[in-house]
PDB file of N, CA and C in Angstrom:
ATOM      1  N   MET A   1       0.585  -1.138   0.061  1.00  0.00           N
ATOM      2  CA  MET A   1       0.106  -0.130  -0.135  1.00  0.00           C
ATOM      3  C   MET A   1       0.941   1.598  -0.441  1.00  0.00           C
ATOM      4  N   LYS A   2       2.050   1.442   0.914  1.00  0.00           N
ATOM      5  CA  LYS A   2       3.244   1.763   0.696  1.00  0.00           C
ATOM      6  C   LYS A   2       4.013   2.526  -0.005  1.00  0.00           C
ATOM      7  N   GLU A   3       3.861   1.650  -1.012  1.00  0.00           N
ATOM      8  CA  GLU A   3       4.398   1.171  -2.459  1.00  0.00           C
ATOM      9  C   GLU A   3       3.519   1.829  -3.678  1.00  0.00           C
ATOM     10  N   MET A   4       1.954   1.609  -3.320  1.00  0.00           N
ATOM     11  CA  MET A   4       1.386   2.360  -4.775  1.00  0.00           C
ATOM     12  C   MET A   4       0.662   3.912  -3.941  1.00  0.00           C
ATOM     13  N   THR A   5       1.225   4.269  -2.934  1.00  0.00           N
ATOM     14  CA  THR A   5       0.611   5.267  -2.926  1.00  0.00           C
ATOM     15  C   THR A   5       1.561   6.179  -3.273  1.00  0.00           C
ATOM     16  N   ALA A   6       3.059   6.102  -3.045  1.00  0.00           N
ATOM     17  CA  ALA A   6       4.648   6.495  -3.364  1.00  0.00           C
ATOM     18  C   ALA A   6       4.335   6.682  -4.573  1.00  0.00           C
ATOM     19  N   ARG A   7       3.735   6.047  -5.601  1.00  0.00           N
ATOM     20  CA  ARG A   7       3.601   5.596  -7.196  1.00  0.00           C
ATOM     21  C   ARG A   7       2.744   6.949  -8.011  1.00  0.00           C
ATOM     22  N   LEU A   8       1.770   7.347  -6.563  1.00  0.00           N
ATOM     23  CA  LEU A   8       0.667   7.667  -6.915  1.00  0.00           C
ATOM     24  C   LEU A   8       1.272   9.647  -7.011  1.00  0.00           C
ATOM     25  N   GLU A   9       2.287   9.373  -6.354  1.00  0.00           N
ATOM     26  CA  GLU A   9       2.778  11.160  -5.608  1.00  0.00           C
ATOM     27  C   GLU A   9       4.088  11.135  -7.116  1.00  0.00           C
ATOM     28  N   THR A  10       3.760  10.076  -7.832  1.00  0.00           N
ATOM     29  CA  THR A  10       5.519  10.698  -8.702  1.00  0.00           C
ATOM     30  C   THR A  10       4.511   9.970  -9.917  1.00  0.00           C
ATOM     31  N   ASP A  11       3.683   9.558 -10.221  1.00  0.00           N
ATOM     32  CA  ASP A  11       2.966   9.080 -11.629  1.00  0.00           C
ATOM     33  C   ASP A  11       2.189   9.848 -11.971  1.00  0.00           C
ATOM     34  N   PRO A  12       1.718  10.683 -12.389  1.00  0.00           N
ATOM     35  CA  PRO A  12       0.319  11.742 -12.695  1.00  0.00           C
ATOM     36  C   PRO A  12      -0.347  11.228 -13.746  1.00  0.00           C
ATOM     37  N   GLU A  13       0.168  10.218 -14.254  1.00  0.00           N
ATOM     38  CA  GLU A  13      -0.837   9.343 -15.458  1.00  0.00           C
ATOM     39  C   GLU A  13      -2.091   8.420 -14.167  1.00  0.00           C
ATOM     40  N   LEU A  14      -0.960   7.665 -13.383  1.00  0.00           N
ATOM     41  CA  LEU A  14      -1.594   6.631 -12.630  1.00  0.00           C
ATOM     42  C   LEU A  14      -2.434   7.121 -11.671  1.00  0.00           C
ATOM     43  N   ALA A  15      -1.627   8.553 -11.216  1.00  0.00           N
ATOM     44  CA  ALA A  15      -2.679   9.560 -10.365  1.00  0.00           C
ATOM     45  C   ALA A  15      -4.426  10.351 -10.491  1.00  0.00           C
ATOM     46  N   ALA A  16      -3.659  10.641 -12.261  1.00  0.00           N
ATOM     47  CA  ALA A  16      -5.371  10.890 -12.586  1.00  0.00           C
ATOM     48  C   ALA A  16      -6.353   9.821 -12.911  1.00  0.00           C
ATOM     49  N   ALA A  17      -6.163   8.567 -13.359  1.00  0.00           N
ATOM     50  CA  ALA A  17      -6.370   7.149 -13.285  1.00  0.00           C
ATOM     51  C   ALA A  17      -7.248   6.699 -12.343  1.00  0.00           C
ATOM     52  N   TYR A  18      -6.486   7.094 -10.598  1.00  0.00           N
ATOM     53  CA  TYR A  18      -7.149   7.026  -9.552  1.00  0.00           C
ATOM     54  C   TYR A  18      -8.322   7.390  -9.361  1.00  0.00           C
ATOM     55  N   ARG A  19      -7.954   9.493  -9.647  1.00  0.00           N
ATOM     56  CA  ARG A  19      -8.903  10.196  -8.942  1.00  0.00           C
ATOM     57  C   ARG A  19      -9.824   9.860  -9.935  1.00  0.00           C
ATOM     58  N   ALA A  20     -10.152   9.527 -11.385  1.00  0.00           N
ATOM     59  CA  ALA A  20     -11.270   8.823 -11.637  1.00  0.00           C
ATOM     60  C   ALA A  20     -11.989   7.571 -11.434  1.00  0.00           C
ATOM     61  N   ALA A  21     -11.018   6.963 -10.927  1.00  0.00           N
ATOM     62  CA  ALA A  21     -11.603   5.730 -10.131  1.00  0.00           C
ATOM     63  C   ALA A  21     -12.506   5.948  -8.827  1.00  0.00           C
ATOM     64  N   HIS A  22     -12.425   7.177  -7.970  1.00  0.00           N
ATOM     65  CA  HIS A  22     -12.801   7.720  -6.799  1.00  0.00           C
ATOM     66  C   HIS A  22     -14.169   8.025  -7.690  1.00  0.00           C
ATOM     67  N   GLU A  23     -13.998   8.710  -8.117  1.00  0.00           N
ATOM     68  CA  GLU A  23     -15.004   9.681  -9.014  1.00  0.00           C
ATOM     69  C   GLU A  23     -16.238   8.505  -9.610  1.00  0.00           C
ATOM     70  N   ASP A  24     -15.778   7.108 -10.102  1.00  0.00           N
ATOM     71  CA  ASP A  24     -16.778   6.297 -10.488  1.00  0.00           C
ATOM     72  C   ASP A  24     -17.237   5.461  -8.992  1.00  0.00           C
ATOM     73  N   TYR A  25     -16.181   5.263  -8.113  1.00  0.00           N
ATOM     74  CA  TYR A  25     -16.801   4.892  -7.077  1.00  0.00           C
ATOM     75  C   TYR A  25     -17.862   5.704  -6.673  1.00  0.00           C
ATOM     76  N   ILE A  26     -17.535   7.107  -6.590  1.00  0.00           N
ATOM     77  CA  ILE A  26     -18.639   8.135  -5.493  1.00  0.00           C
ATOM     78  C   ILE A  26     -20.161   8.139  -6.241  1.00  0.00           C
ATOM     79  N   THR A  27     -19.719   7.774  -7.689  1.00  0.00           N
ATOM     80  CA  THR A  27     -20.896   7.898  -8.835  1.00  0.00           C
ATOM     81  C   THR A  27     -21.946   6.641  -8.205  1.00  0.00           C
ATOM     82  N   ARG A  28     -21.225   5.494  -7.911  1.00  0.00           N
ATOM     83  CA  ARG A  28     -22.049   3.743  -7.944  1.00  0.00           C
ATOM     84  C   ARG A  28     -22.396   4.285  -6.672  1.00  0.00           C
ATOM     85  N   ARG A  29     -21.553   4.343  -5.836  1.00  0.00           N
ATOM     86  CA  ARG A  29     -22.232   4.364  -4.275  1.00  0.00           C
ATOM     87  C   ARG A  29     -23.573   5.537  -3.948  1.00  0.00           C
ATOM     88  N   ASP A  30     -23.548   6.686  -4.681  1.00  0.00           N
ATOM     89  CA  ASP A  30     -24.495   7.820  -4.877  1.00  0.00           C
ATOM     90  C   ASP A  30     -25.955   7.264  -5.614  1.00  0.00           C
ATOM     91  N   ALA A  31     -25.839   6.241  -6.016  1.00  0.00           N
ATOM     92  CA  ALA A  31     -26.431   6.074  -6.879  1.00  0.00           C
ATOM     93  C   ALA A  31     -27.589   5.056  -5.934  1.00  0.00           C
ATOM     94  N   ILE A  32     -26.792   4.135  -5.299  1.00  0.00           N
ATOM     95  CA  ILE A  32     -27.765   3.061  -3.904  1.00  0.00           C
ATOM     96  C   ILE A  32     -28.003   3.985  -2.942  1.00  0.00           C
ATOM     97  N   GLU A  33     -27.490   5.124  -2.552  1.00  0.00           N
ATOM     98  CA  GLU A  33     -27.578   6.054  -1.134  1.00  0.00           C
ATOM     99  C   GLU A  33     -26.612   7.109  -1.361  1.00  0.00           C
ATOM    100  N   VAL A  34     -26.855   7.801  -1.150  1.00  0.00           N
ATOM    101  CA  VAL A  34     -25.941   9.154  -1.099  1.00  0.00           C
ATOM    102  C   VAL A  34     -26.107   9.242   0.637  1.00  0.00           C
ATOM    103  N   LEU A  35     -24.392   9.213   0.741  1.00  0.00           N
ATOM    104  CA  LEU A  35     -23.596   9.472   2.394  1.00  0.00           C
ATOM    105  C   LEU A  35     -22.925  10.610   2.516  1.00  0.00           C
ATOM    106  N   GLU A  36     -23.513  11.442   2.976  1.00  0.00           N
ATOM    107  CA  GLU A  36     -23.291  12.935   3.542  1.00  0.00           C
ATOM    108  C   GLU A  36     -21.911  12.736   4.217  1.00  0.00           C
ATOM    109  N   GLY A  37     -21.002  12.932   4.454  1.00  0.00           N
ATOM    110  CA  GLY A  37     -20.086  13.081   5.474  1.00  0.00           C
ATOM    111  C   GLY A  37     -19.211  12.120   4.819  1.00  0.00           C
ATOM    112  N   PHE A  38     -19.363  10.885   4.186  1.00  0.00           N
ATOM    113  CA  PHE A  38     -18.269   9.831   3.832  1.00  0.00           C
ATOM    114  C   PHE A  38     -17.979   9.959   2.636  1.00  0.00           C
ATOM    115  N   PRO A  39     -16.418  11.047   2.249  1.00  0.00           N
ATOM    116  CA  PRO A  39     -16.088  11.223   1.237  1.00  0.00           C
ATOM    117  C   PRO A  39     -15.177   9.879  -0.171  1.00  0.00           C
ATOM    118  N   SER A  40     -15.261   9.055   0.778  1.00  0.00           N
ATOM    119  CA  SER A  40     -14.724   8.016  -0.440  1.00  0.00           C
ATOM    120  C   SER A  40     -14.401   6.884   0.259  1.00  0.00           C
ATOM    121  N   ALA A  41     -13.254   5.689  -0.109  1.00  0.00           N
ATOM    122  CA  ALA A  41     -13.106   4.544   0.611  1.00  0.00           C
ATOM    123  C   ALA A  41     -11.821   4.149  -0.021  1.00  0.00           C
ATOM    124  N   GLY A  42     -11.570   3.319   1.476  1.00  0.00           N
ATOM    125  CA  GLY A  42      -9.886   3.135   0.831  1.00  0.00           C
ATOM    126  C   GLY A  42      -9.136   3.294   0.464  1.00  0.00           C
ATOM    127  N   GLY A  43      -8.930   4.848   1.058  1.00  0.00           N
ATOM    128  CA  GLY A  43      -8.338   5.598   0.904  1.00  0.00           C
ATOM    129  C   GLY A  43      -8.061   6.270  -0.385  1.00  0.00           C
ATOM    130  N   MET A  44      -9.130   6.033  -1.808  1.00  0.00           N
ATOM    131  CA  MET A  44      -9.176   7.417  -2.638  1.00  0.00           C
ATOM    132  C   MET A  44      -9.818   9.447  -2.150  1.00  0.00           C
ATOM    133  N   PRO A  45      -9.226   9.705  -3.103  1.00  0.00           N
ATOM    134  CA  PRO A  45      -8.695   9.532  -4.627  1.00  0.00           C
ATOM    135  C   PRO A  45      -6.888  10.183  -4.020  1.00  0.00           C
ATOM    136  N   ASP A  46      -6.456   9.749  -3.423  1.00  0.00           N
ATOM    137  CA  ASP A  46      -4.973  10.378  -2.455  1.00  0.00           C
ATOM    138  C   ASP A  46      -3.869   9.609  -2.192  1.00  0.00           C
ATOM    139  N   ARG A  47      -4.464   8.223  -2.202  1.00  0.00           N
ATOM    140  CA  ARG A  47      -4.124   7.160  -0.958  1.00  0.00           C
ATOM    141  C   ARG A  47      -4.153   6.011  -0.990  1.00  0.00           C
ATOM    142  N   VAL A  48      -3.511   5.258  -0.503  1.00  0.00           N
ATOM    143  CA  VAL A  48      -3.938   3.486  -0.899  1.00  0.00           C
ATOM    144  C   VAL A  48      -4.562   3.211   0.402  1.00  0.00           C
ATOM    145  N   LYS A  49      -5.360   2.991   1.283  1.00  0.00           N
ATOM    146  CA  LYS A  49      -5.207   2.384   2.568  1.00  0.00           C
ATOM    147  C   LYS A  49      -5.503   0.839   2.305  1.00  0.00           C
ATOM    148  N   CYS A  50      -6.704   1.138   2.042  1.00  0.00           N
ATOM    149  CA  CYS A  50      -7.428  -0.579   2.092  1.00  0.00           C
ATOM    150  C   CYS A  50      -7.384  -1.000   0.576  1.00  0.00           C
ATOM    151  N   LEU A  51      -7.129  -1.800   0.486  1.00  0.00           N
ATOM    152  CA  LEU A  51      -6.890  -3.145  -0.858  1.00  0.00           C
ATOM    153  C   LEU A  51      -7.552  -3.785  -0.553  1.00  0.00           C
ATOM    154  N   HIS A  52      -8.733  -4.055   0.001  1.00  0.00           N
ATOM    155  CA  HIS A  52      -9.764  -4.815  -0.201  1.00  0.00           C
ATOM    156  C   HIS A  52     -11.203  -4.195  -0.753  1.00  0.00           C
ATOM    157  N   VAL A  53     -11.261  -2.788  -0.475  1.00  0.00           N
ATOM    158  CA  VAL A  53     -12.230  -2.375  -1.701  1.00  0.00           C
ATOM    159  C   VAL A  53     -11.575  -1.173  -2.504  1.00  0.00           C
ATOM    160  N   LEU A  54     -10.688  -1.947  -2.555  1.00  0.00           N
ATOM    161  CA  LEU A  54     -10.077  -1.086  -4.481  1.00  0.00           C
ATOM    162  C   LEU A  54     -10.292  -2.708  -5.092  1.00  0.00           C
ATOM    163  N   VAL A  55     -10.409  -3.947  -4.482  1.00  0.00           N
ATOM    164  CA  VAL A  55     -10.869  -5.053  -5.212  1.00  0.00           C
ATOM    165  C   VAL A  55     -12.025  -4.964  -5.066  1.00  0.00           C
ATOM    166  N   GLY A  56     -12.368  -4.828  -4.754  1.00  0.00           N
ATOM    167  CA  GLY A  56     -14.205  -4.781  -4.511  1.00  0.00           C
ATOM    168  C   GLY A  56     -14.755  -3.827  -6.095  1.00  0.00           C
ATOM    169  N   HIS A  57     -14.395  -2.702  -5.688  1.00  0.00           N
ATOM    170  CA  HIS A  57     -14.492  -1.543  -6.368  1.00  0.00           C
ATOM    171  C   HIS A  57     -14.434  -1.983  -7.858  1.00  0.00           C
ATOM    172  N   SER A  58     -12.824  -2.866  -8.417  1.00  0.00           N
ATOM    173  CA  SER A  58     -12.482  -3.177  -9.719  1.00  0.00           C
ATOM    174  C   SER A  58     -13.547  -4.410  -9.901  1.00  0.00           C
ATOM    175  N   LEU A  59     -14.380  -4.976  -9.322  1.00  0.00           N
ATOM    176  CA  LEU A  59     -14.924  -6.454  -9.293  1.00  0.00           C
ATOM    177  C   LEU A  59     -16.449  -5.869  -9.709  1.00  0.00           C
ATOM    178  N   ALA A  60     -16.391  -5.057  -9.119  1.00  0.00           N
ATOM    179  CA  ALA A  60     -18.027  -4.677  -8.632  1.00  0.00           C
ATOM    180  C   ALA A  60     -17.277  -3.591 -10.907  1.00  0.00           C
ATOM    181  N   ALA A  61     -16.983  -3.224 -10.887  1.00  0.00           N
ATOM    182  CA  ALA A  61     -16.664  -1.641 -11.824  1.00  0.00           C
ATOM    183  C   ALA A  61     -15.847  -2.586 -12.991  1.00  0.00           C
ATOM    184  N   GLY A  62     -15.102  -3.883 -13.283  1.00  0.00           N
ATOM    185  CA  GLY A  62     -14.543  -4.295 -13.947  1.00  0.00           C
ATOM    186  C   GLY A  62     -13.283  -3.895 -14.452  1.00  0.00           C
ATOM    187  N   PRO A  63     -12.748  -4.016 -15.622  1.00  0.00           N
ATOM    188  CA  PRO A  63     -10.866  -4.284 -15.532  1.00  0.00           C
ATOM    189  C   PRO A  63     -10.907  -2.720 -16.412  1.00  0.00           C
ATOM    190  N   GLY A  64     -10.075  -1.773 -15.857  1.00  0.00           N
ATOM    191  CA  GLY A  64      -9.652  -0.459 -16.476  1.00  0.00           C
ATOM    192  C   GLY A  64     -10.218   0.646 -15.562  1.00  0.00           C
ATOM    193  N   VAL A  65     -11.551  -0.008 -14.961  1.00  0.00           N
ATOM    194  CA  VAL A  65     -11.794   1.162 -13.767  1.00  0.00           C
ATOM    195  C   VAL A  65     -10.771   1.773 -12.634  1.00  0.00           C
ATOM    196  N   ASN A  66     -10.716   1.511 -12.408  1.00  0.00           N
ATOM    197  CA  ASN A  66      -9.393   1.472 -11.304  1.00  0.00           C
ATOM    198  C   ASN A  66      -8.439   0.650 -11.110  1.00  0.00           C
ATOM    199  N   PRO A  67      -7.225   1.606 -11.510  1.00  0.00           N
ATOM    200  CA  PRO A  67      -5.912   0.689 -12.035  1.00  0.00           C
ATOM    201  C   PRO A  67      -5.287  -0.035 -10.900  1.00  0.00           C
ATOM    202  N   LEU A  68      -5.522   0.684  -9.312  1.00  0.00           N
ATOM    203  CA  LEU A  68      -4.881  -0.327  -8.473  1.00  0.00           C
ATOM    204  C   LEU A  68      -5.663  -1.076  -7.550  1.00  0.00           C
ATOM    205  N   GLY A  69      -7.551  -0.912  -8.207  1.00  0.00           N
ATOM    206  CA  GLY A  69      -7.679  -2.254  -7.899  1.00  0.00           C
ATOM    207  C   GLY A  69      -7.173  -3.321  -8.713  1.00  0.00           C
ATOM    208  N   ASP A  70      -7.091  -3.304 -10.205  1.00  0.00           N
ATOM    209  CA  ASP A  70      -6.623  -3.945 -11.001  1.00  0.00           C
ATOM    210  C   ASP A  70      -5.194  -4.696 -10.644  1.00  0.00           C
ATOM    211  N   GLU A  71      -4.263  -3.960 -10.071  1.00  0.00           N
ATOM    212  CA  GLU A  71      -3.279  -4.270  -9.836  1.00  0.00           C
ATOM    213  C   GLU A  71      -3.402  -5.789  -8.563  1.00  0.00           C
ATOM    214  N   ALA A  72      -4.004  -4.919  -7.655  1.00  0.00           N
ATOM    215  CA  ALA A  72      -4.504  -5.738  -6.458  1.00  0.00           C
ATOM    216  C   ALA A  72      -5.274  -7.373  -6.796  1.00  0.00           C
ATOM    217  N   ILE A  73      -5.890  -7.140  -7.519  1.00  0.00           N
ATOM    218  CA  ILE A  73      -6.557  -8.584  -8.158  1.00  0.00           C
ATOM    219  C   ILE A  73      -5.459  -9.346  -8.666  1.00  0.00           C
ATOM    220  N   ALA A  74      -4.260  -8.916  -9.382  1.00  0.00           N
ATOM    221  CA  ALA A  74      -3.290  -9.506 -10.446  1.00  0.00           C
ATOM    222  C   ALA A  74      -2.891 -10.128  -9.262  1.00  0.00           C
ATOM    223  N   MET A  75      -2.593  -9.608  -8.361  1.00  0.00           N
ATOM    224  CA  MET A  75      -1.200 -10.243  -6.902  1.00  0.00           C
ATOM    225  C   MET A  75      -1.862 -11.200  -6.802  1.00  0.00           C
ATOM    226  N   LEU A  76      -3.488 -11.261  -6.294  1.00  0.00           N
ATOM    227  CA  LEU A  76      -4.225 -12.609  -5.569  1.00  0.00           C
ATOM    228  C   LEU A  76      -3.835 -13.906  -5.853  1.00  0.00           C
ATOM    229  N   PRO A  77      -3.226 -14.987  -5.321  1.00  0.00           N
ATOM    230  CA  PRO A  77      -3.596 -16.721  -5.773  1.00  0.00           C
ATOM    231  C   PRO A  77      -3.988 -16.548  -6.290  1.00  0.00           C
ATOM    232  N   GLU A  78      -4.865 -17.451  -7.331  1.00  0.00           N
ATOM    233  CA  GLU A  78      -5.629 -18.426  -7.490  1.00  0.00           C
ATOM    234  C   GLU A  78      -6.399 -18.779  -6.471  1.00  0.00           C
ATOM    235  N   TRP A  79      -5.969 -19.066  -4.831  1.00  0.00           N
ATOM    236  CA  TRP A  79      -6.819 -19.651  -4.250  1.00  0.00           C
ATOM    237  C   TRP A  79      -8.533 -19.417  -4.359  1.00  0.00           C
ATOM    238  N   TRP A  80      -9.034 -18.985  -4.924  1.00  0.00           N
ATOM    239  CA  TRP A  80     -10.293 -18.351  -4.599  1.00  0.00           C
ATOM    240  C   TRP A  80     -11.253 -18.633  -6.534  1.00  0.00           C
ATOM    241  N   ALA A  81     -10.036 -19.116  -7.032  1.00  0.00           N
ATOM    242  CA  ALA A  81     -10.688 -19.965  -8.935  1.00  0.00           C
ATOM    243  C   ALA A  81     -11.235 -21.079  -8.272  1.00  0.00           C
ATOM    244  N   LYS A  82     -10.424 -21.862  -7.290  1.00  0.00           N
ATOM    245  CA  LYS A  82     -10.936 -23.353  -6.705  1.00  0.00           C
ATOM    246  C   LYS A  82     -12.183 -23.592  -5.888  1.00  0.00           C
ATOM    247  N   GLY A  83     -13.208 -22.437  -5.502  1.00  0.00           N
ATOM    248  CA  GLY A  83     -14.509 -22.761  -5.126  1.00  0.00           C
ATOM    249  C   GLY A  83     -14.094 -22.091  -3.811  1.00  0.00           C
ATOM    250  N   ALA A  84     -14.982 -22.268  -2.918  1.00  0.00           N
ATOM    251  CA  ALA A  84     -15.127 -21.451  -1.310  1.00  0.00           C
ATOM    252  C   ALA A  84     -14.207 -21.571  -0.752  1.00  0.00           C
ATOM    253  N   CYS A  85     -13.770 -21.021   0.309  1.00  0.00           N
ATOM    254  CA  CYS A  85     -12.789 -20.842   1.161  1.00  0.00           C
ATOM    255  C   CYS A  85     -12.939 -22.100   2.184  1.00  0.00           C
ATOM    256  N   VAL A  86     -14.173 -22.339   2.129  1.00  0.00           N
ATOM    257  CA  VAL A  86     -14.113 -23.271   3.643  1.00  0.00           C
ATOM    258  C   VAL A  86     -14.843 -24.289   2.621  1.00  0.00           C
ATOM    259  N   THR A  87     -14.276 -25.743   3.631  1.00  0.00           N
ATOM    260  CA  THR A  87     -15.705 -27.059   3.048  1.00  0.00           C
ATOM    261  C   THR A  87     -17.300 -26.972   3.737  1.00  0.00           C
ATOM    262  N   PRO A  88     -17.704 -27.287   3.000  1.00  0.00           N
ATOM    263  CA  PRO A  88     -19.390 -27.205   3.265  1.00  0.00           C
ATOM    264  C   PRO A  88     -19.698 -28.458   4.679  1.00  0.00           C
ATOM    265  N   CYS A  89     -20.395 -27.825   5.334  1.00  0.00           N
ATOM    266  CA  CYS A  89     -20.506 -28.798   5.962  1.00  0.00           C
ATOM    267  C   CYS A  89     -21.047 -29.722   6.265  1.00  0.00           C
ATOM    268  N   THR A  90     -21.369 -30.747   6.878  1.00  0.00           N
ATOM    269  CA  THR A  90     -22.649 -32.205   6.201  1.00  0.00           C
ATOM    270  C   THR A  90     -23.667 -31.357   6.851  1.00  0.00           C
ATOM    271  N   PRO A  91     -24.784 -32.056   5.980  1.00  0.00           N
ATOM    272  CA  PRO A  91     -25.512 -31.292   5.904  1.00  0.00           C
ATOM    273  C   PRO A  91     -26.802 -32.400   7.336  1.00  0.00           C
ATOM    274  N   PRO A  92     -27.561 -31.552   7.607  1.00  0.00           N
ATOM    275  CA  PRO A  92     -27.932 -32.310   8.802  1.00  0.00           C
ATOM    276  C   PRO A  92     -28.575 -33.434   8.072  1.00  0.00           C
ATOM    277  N   GLY A  93     -29.148 -34.684   9.101  1.00  0.00           N
ATOM    278  CA  GLY A  93     -29.587 -35.506   7.977  1.00  0.00           C
ATOM    279  C   GLY A  93     -31.607 -36.117   7.862  1.00  0.00           C
ATOM    280  N   GLU A  94     -31.738 -36.295   7.173  1.00  0.00           N
ATOM    281  CA  GLU A  94     -33.237 -36.472   6.111  1.00  0.00           C
ATOM    282  C   GLU A  94     -33.936 -36.896   7.702  1.00  0.00           C
ATOM    283  N   ASP A  95     -33.832 -37.942   8.151  1.00  0.00           N
ATOM    284  CA  ASP A  95     -33.966 -38.537   9.264  1.00  0.00           C
ATOM    285  C   ASP A  95     -34.308 -37.944  10.174  1.00  0.00           C
ATOM    286  N   ASP A  96     -33.904 -36.565  10.669  1.00  0.00           N
ATOM    287  CA  ASP A  96     -34.418 -35.964  11.511  1.00  0.00           C
ATOM    288  C   ASP A  96     -35.538 -35.008  11.048  1.00  0.00           C
ATOM    289  N   GLY A  97     -36.083 -34.870  10.063  1.00  0.00           N
ATOM    290  CA  GLY A  97     -37.013 -34.125   9.532  1.00  0.00           C
ATOM    291  C   GLY A  97     -36.575 -33.478   8.354  1.00  0.00           C
ATOM    292  N   TRP A  98     -35.013 -32.714   8.161  1.00  0.00           N
ATOM    293  CA  TRP A  98     -34.758 -31.652   7.021  1.00  0.00           C
ATOM    294  C   TRP A  98     -34.447 -32.460   5.924  1.00  0.00           C
ATOM    295  N   THR A  99     -34.919 -31.843   4.871  1.00  0.00           N
ATOM    296  CA  THR A  99     -34.739 -32.105   3.044  1.00  0.00           C
ATOM    297  C   THR A  99     -33.930 -31.427   3.079  1.00  0.00           C
ATOM    298  N   VAL A 100     -32.959 -31.894   2.306  1.00  0.00           N
ATOM    299  CA  VAL A 100     -31.668 -31.560   1.984  1.00  0.00           C
ATOM    300  C   VAL A 100     -31.427 -31.548   0.070  1.00  0.00           C
ATOM    301  N   ASP A 101     -31.143 -30.196   0.044  1.00  0.00           N
ATOM    302  CA  ASP A 101     -30.287 -30.266  -1.407  1.00  0.00           C
ATOM    303  C   ASP A 101     -29.416 -29.892  -1.896  1.00  0.00           C
ATOM    304  N   GLU A 102     -28.335 -30.623  -2.783  1.00  0.00           N
ATOM    305  CA  GLU A 102     -26.993 -30.505  -2.538  1.00  0.00           C
ATOM    306  C   GLU A 102     -27.094 -29.526  -3.906  1.00  0.00           C
ATOM    307  N   GLY A 103     -25.171 -28.888  -3.688  1.00  0.00           N
ATOM    308  CA  GLY A 103     -25.032 -28.716  -5.214  1.00  0.00           C
ATOM    309  C   GLY A 103     -23.485 -28.314  -4.679  1.00  0.00           C
ATOM    310  N   ASP A 104     -23.294 -27.808  -6.004  1.00  0.00           N
ATOM    311  CA  ASP A 104     -21.587 -27.278  -6.591  1.00  0.00           C
ATOM    312  C   ASP A 104     -21.195 -26.180  -5.037  1.00  0.00           C
ATOM    313  N   GLY A 105     -22.163 -25.896  -4.894  1.00  0.00           N
ATOM    314  CA  GLY A 105     -21.911 -24.553  -3.543  1.00  0.00           C
ATOM    315  C   GLY A 105     -22.304 -24.916  -2.204  1.00  0.00           C
ATOM    316  N   GLY A 106     -22.446 -26.454  -1.994  1.00  0.00           N
ATOM    317  CA  GLY A 106     -22.588 -26.760  -0.827  1.00  0.00           C
ATOM    318  C   GLY A 106     -24.106 -27.152  -0.187  1.00  0.00           C
ATOM    319  N   HIS A 107     -24.668 -27.247   0.272  1.00  0.00           N
ATOM    320  CA  HIS A 107     -25.719 -27.660   0.954  1.00  0.00           C
ATOM    321  C   HIS A 107     -27.075 -27.117   1.328  1.00  0.00           C
ATOM    322  N   PHE A 108     -28.434 -26.700   0.564  1.00  0.00           N
ATOM    323  CA  PHE A 108     -29.215 -26.282   1.432  1.00  0.00           C
ATOM    324  C   PHE A 108     -30.360 -27.898   2.386  1.00  0.00           C
ATOM    325  N   ALA A 109     -30.145 -27.121   3.860  1.00  0.00           N
ATOM    326  CA  ALA A 109     -31.467 -27.769   4.528  1.00  0.00           C
ATOM    327  C   ALA A 109     -32.582 -26.926   4.906  1.00  0.00           C
ATOM    328  N   PHE A 110     -33.574 -27.317   4.506  1.00  0.00           N
ATOM    329  CA  PHE A 110     -34.478 -26.720   5.565  1.00  0.00           C
ATOM    330  C   PHE A 110     -35.565 -28.306   5.826  1.00  0.00           C
ATOM    331  N   ARG A 111     -36.134 -27.656   6.772  1.00  0.00           N
ATOM    332  CA  ARG A 111     -37.228 -28.300   7.461  1.00  0.00           C
ATOM    333  C   ARG A 111     -38.540 -28.056   7.502  1.00  0.00           C
ATOM    334  N   PRO A 112     -40.066 -28.093   7.287  1.00  0.00           N
ATOM    335  CA  PRO A 112     -41.230 -28.282   6.741  1.00  0.00           C
ATOM    336  C   PRO A 112     -41.444 -26.992   8.398  1.00  0.00           C
ATOM    337  N   VAL A 113     -42.326 -25.753   8.407  1.00  0.00           N
ATOM    338  CA  VAL A 113     -42.539 -25.665   9.586  1.00  0.00           C
ATOM    339  C   VAL A 113     -43.481 -25.971  10.967  1.00  0.00           C
ATOM    340  N   ASP A 114     -43.671 -26.694  10.694  1.00  0.00           N
ATOM    341  CA  ASP A 114     -44.405 -28.187  11.829  1.00  0.00           C
ATOM    342  C   ASP A 114     -43.111 -28.926  12.458  1.00  0.00           C
ATOM    343  N   GLY A 115     -42.156 -28.715  12.150  1.00  0.00           N
ATOM    344  CA  GLY A 115     -41.331 -29.323  12.212  1.00  0.00           C
ATOM    345  C   GLY A 115     -40.879 -30.926  12.760  1.00  0.00           C
ATOM    346  N   PRO A 116     -40.174 -31.596  13.467  1.00  0.00           N
ATOM    347  CA  PRO A 116     -40.528 -32.984  13.852  1.00  0.00           C
ATOM    348  C   PRO A 116     -41.013 -32.747  15.537  1.00  0.00           C
ATOM    349  N   ALA A 117     -41.736 -33.752  15.976  1.00  0.00           N
ATOM    350  CA  ALA A 117     -42.687 -34.371  16.635  1.00  0.00           C
ATOM    351  C   ALA A 117     -41.429 -33.991  18.055  1.00  0.00           C
ATOM    352  N   ASP A 118     -40.258 -33.742  18.198  1.00  0.00           N
ATOM    353  CA  ASP A 118     -39.031 -34.087  19.747  1.00  0.00           C
ATOM    354  C   ASP A 118     -39.082 -32.918  19.988  1.00  0.00           C
ATOM    355  N   GLY A 119     -39.602 -31.631  20.101  1.00  0.00           N
ATOM    356  CA  GLY A 119     -39.377 -30.341  20.645  1.00  0.00           C
ATOM    357  C   GLY A 119     -39.238 -29.313  19.914  1.00  0.00           C
ATOM    358  N   ARG A 120     -37.757 -29.646  19.190  1.00  0.00           N
ATOM    359  CA  ARG A 120     -36.710 -28.575  18.676  1.00  0.00           C
ATOM    360  C   ARG A 120     -37.434 -27.564  18.015  1.00  0.00           C
ATOM    361  N   SER A 121     -37.215 -26.586  17.645  1.00  0.00           N
ATOM    362  CA  SER A 121     -38.317 -25.379  16.531  1.00  0.00           C
ATOM    363  C   SER A 121     -37.837 -26.359  15.280  1.00  0.00           C
ATOM    364  N   ALA A 122     -39.125 -25.698  14.478  1.00  0.00           N
ATOM    365  CA  ALA A 122     -38.856 -25.720  13.102  1.00  0.00           C
ATOM    366  C   ALA A 122     -37.407 -24.731  12.463  1.00  0.00           C
TER     367      ALA A 122
END
């Protein structure tokens, strides 16, 4: 983050692109809700403070909008491409009154509103 901030001070083209990314961020945020007193996020437009904000902005806006967000994404290892960060838990058993749907993203389990007769809540 310090290196990125230093580059903003010495690279006018990068600084201009980052200021434009800041304006894009504000425009997108204000389209959802105007937040008075919240100038921006991630340190924009003058410094780099929170890489997760820049990554989120780049993922939401697409490549080419936030140059430092794009750089941060490029630095990430490909762990995220392999799927979920955690192993999905084992689903509850159908013999407990649960209906279980399994998919690539894990398990979705639900019980009817009346629930089992053992006194547990549904």
